């Protein structure tokens, strides 16, 4: 995973873990838009 440098990795991991526990939210267009807007381009 690649993080936006302006965000601490701990905050990123916390958000990621929380999201993974909510698959319906994770798969929703709102989630994708929110995640992209706040963390920039994500590559796995």
N, C-alpha and C. Protein backbone atom coordinates (compact mmCIF):
# COMPACT_ATOMS: atom_id res chain seq x y z
N UNK A 1 0.85 -1.21 0.00
CA UNK A 1 0.00 0.00 0.00
C UNK A 1 0.88 1.25 0.00
N UNK A 2 0.37 2.27 -0.67
CA UNK A 2 1.07 3.56 -0.71
C UNK A 2 0.21 4.59 -0.01
N UNK A 3 0.79 5.33 0.92
CA UNK A 3 0.01 6.32 1.66
C UNK A 3 0.31 7.74 1.19
N UNK A 4 -0.64 8.62 1.45
CA UNK A 4 -0.39 10.05 1.28
C UNK A 4 0.55 10.49 2.40
N UNK A 5 1.64 11.16 2.08
CA UNK A 5 2.64 11.50 3.10
C UNK A 5 2.11 12.44 4.18
N UNK A 6 1.07 13.19 3.86
CA UNK A 6 0.53 14.15 4.82
C UNK A 6 -0.26 13.47 5.95
N UNK A 7 -0.51 12.16 5.80
CA UNK A 7 -1.25 11.43 6.83
C UNK A 7 -0.35 10.41 7.51
N UNK A 8 -0.38 10.35 8.85
CA UNK A 8 0.39 9.35 9.58
C UNK A 8 -0.06 7.94 9.20
N UNK A 9 0.89 7.03 9.09
CA UNK A 9 0.56 5.66 8.69
C UNK A 9 -0.39 5.00 9.68
N UNK A 10 -0.27 5.36 10.96
CA UNK A 10 -1.15 4.77 11.97
C UNK A 10 -2.61 5.14 11.73
N UNK A 11 -2.85 6.40 11.35
CA UNK A 11 -4.21 6.83 11.06
C UNK A 11 -4.74 6.10 9.83
N UNK A 12 -3.88 5.95 8.83
CA UNK A 12 -4.27 5.25 7.60
C UNK A 12 -4.66 3.81 7.91
N UNK A 13 -3.82 3.13 8.68
CA UNK A 13 -4.09 1.73 9.01
C UNK A 13 -5.36 1.58 9.83
N UNK A 14 -5.61 2.54 10.72
CA UNK A 14 -6.83 2.49 11.53
C UNK A 14 -8.06 2.61 10.64
N UNK A 15 -8.01 3.54 9.71
CA UNK A 15 -9.15 3.72 8.79
C UNK A 15 -9.32 2.49 7.91
N UNK A 16 -8.20 1.96 7.41
CA UNK A 16 -8.27 0.78 6.55
C UNK A 16 -8.90 -0.40 7.28
N UNK A 17 -8.44 -0.65 8.52
CA UNK A 17 -8.95 -1.78 9.30
C UNK A 17 -10.45 -1.61 9.57
N UNK A 18 -10.85 -0.38 9.94
CA UNK A 18 -12.25 -0.11 10.20
C UNK A 18 -13.09 -0.36 8.96
N UNK A 19 -12.57 0.08 7.81
CA UNK A 19 -13.29 -0.09 6.55
C UNK A 19 -13.41 -1.57 6.17
N UNK A 20 -12.35 -2.32 6.39
CA UNK A 20 -12.39 -3.74 6.05
C UNK A 20 -13.43 -4.49 6.86
N UNK A 21 -13.77 -3.96 8.03
CA UNK A 21 -14.81 -4.56 8.86
C UNK A 21 -16.21 -4.17 8.41
N UNK A 22 -16.27 -3.29 7.41
CA UNK A 22 -17.57 -2.84 6.89
C UNK A 22 -17.57 -2.99 5.37
N UNK A 23 -17.64 -4.23 4.91
CA UNK A 23 -17.48 -4.49 3.48
C UNK A 23 -18.54 -3.81 2.62
N UNK A 24 -19.76 -3.72 3.11
CA UNK A 24 -20.80 -3.06 2.32
C UNK A 24 -20.46 -1.59 2.10
N UNK A 25 -19.96 -0.96 3.16
CA UNK A 25 -19.54 0.44 3.04
C UNK A 25 -18.31 0.56 2.16
N UNK A 26 -17.38 -0.38 2.31
CA UNK A 26 -16.14 -0.38 1.53
C UNK A 26 -16.42 -0.47 0.03
N UNK A 27 -17.42 -1.26 -0.33
CA UNK A 27 -17.73 -1.48 -1.74
C UNK A 27 -18.62 -0.41 -2.34
N UNK A 28 -19.09 0.51 -1.50
CA UNK A 28 -20.00 1.54 -2.01
C UNK A 28 -19.25 2.67 -2.70
N UNK A 29 -19.87 3.32 -3.69
CA UNK A 29 -19.27 4.45 -4.40
C UNK A 29 -18.89 5.58 -3.45
N UNK A 30 -19.70 5.79 -2.40
CA UNK A 30 -19.41 6.84 -1.43
C UNK A 30 -18.08 6.58 -0.75
N UNK A 31 -17.85 5.33 -0.37
CA UNK A 31 -16.59 4.98 0.29
C UNK A 31 -15.41 5.23 -0.63
N UNK A 32 -15.52 4.78 -1.86
CA UNK A 32 -14.42 4.96 -2.81
C UNK A 32 -14.10 6.44 -3.01
N UNK A 33 -15.16 7.25 -3.12
CA UNK A 33 -14.97 8.69 -3.31
C UNK A 33 -14.32 9.31 -2.07
N UNK A 34 -14.84 8.95 -0.90
CA UNK A 34 -14.31 9.47 0.37
C UNK A 34 -12.84 9.09 0.54
N UNK A 35 -12.54 7.83 0.31
CA UNK A 35 -11.19 7.33 0.51
C UNK A 35 -10.21 7.98 -0.45
N UNK A 36 -10.62 8.13 -1.71
CA UNK A 36 -9.76 8.76 -2.71
C UNK A 36 -9.53 10.23 -2.39
N UNK A 37 -10.59 10.92 -1.98
CA UNK A 37 -10.46 12.35 -1.67
C UNK A 37 -9.54 12.61 -0.49
N UNK A 38 -9.54 11.71 0.49
CA UNK A 38 -8.77 11.94 1.70
C UNK A 38 -7.36 11.36 1.66
N UNK A 39 -7.15 10.36 0.86
CA UNK A 39 -5.84 9.70 0.86
C UNK A 39 -5.13 9.71 -0.48
N UNK A 40 -5.76 10.31 -1.49
CA UNK A 40 -5.13 10.32 -2.81
C UNK A 40 -5.22 8.96 -3.48
N UNK A 41 -4.43 8.76 -4.51
CA UNK A 41 -4.47 7.50 -5.24
C UNK A 41 -3.88 6.37 -4.41
N UNK A 42 -4.62 5.28 -4.30
CA UNK A 42 -4.18 4.13 -3.52
C UNK A 42 -3.79 2.99 -4.47
N UNK A 43 -2.62 2.43 -4.26
CA UNK A 43 -2.22 1.27 -5.06
C UNK A 43 -1.84 0.12 -4.14
N UNK A 44 -2.30 -1.07 -4.46
CA UNK A 44 -1.98 -2.23 -3.62
C UNK A 44 -0.87 -3.05 -4.27
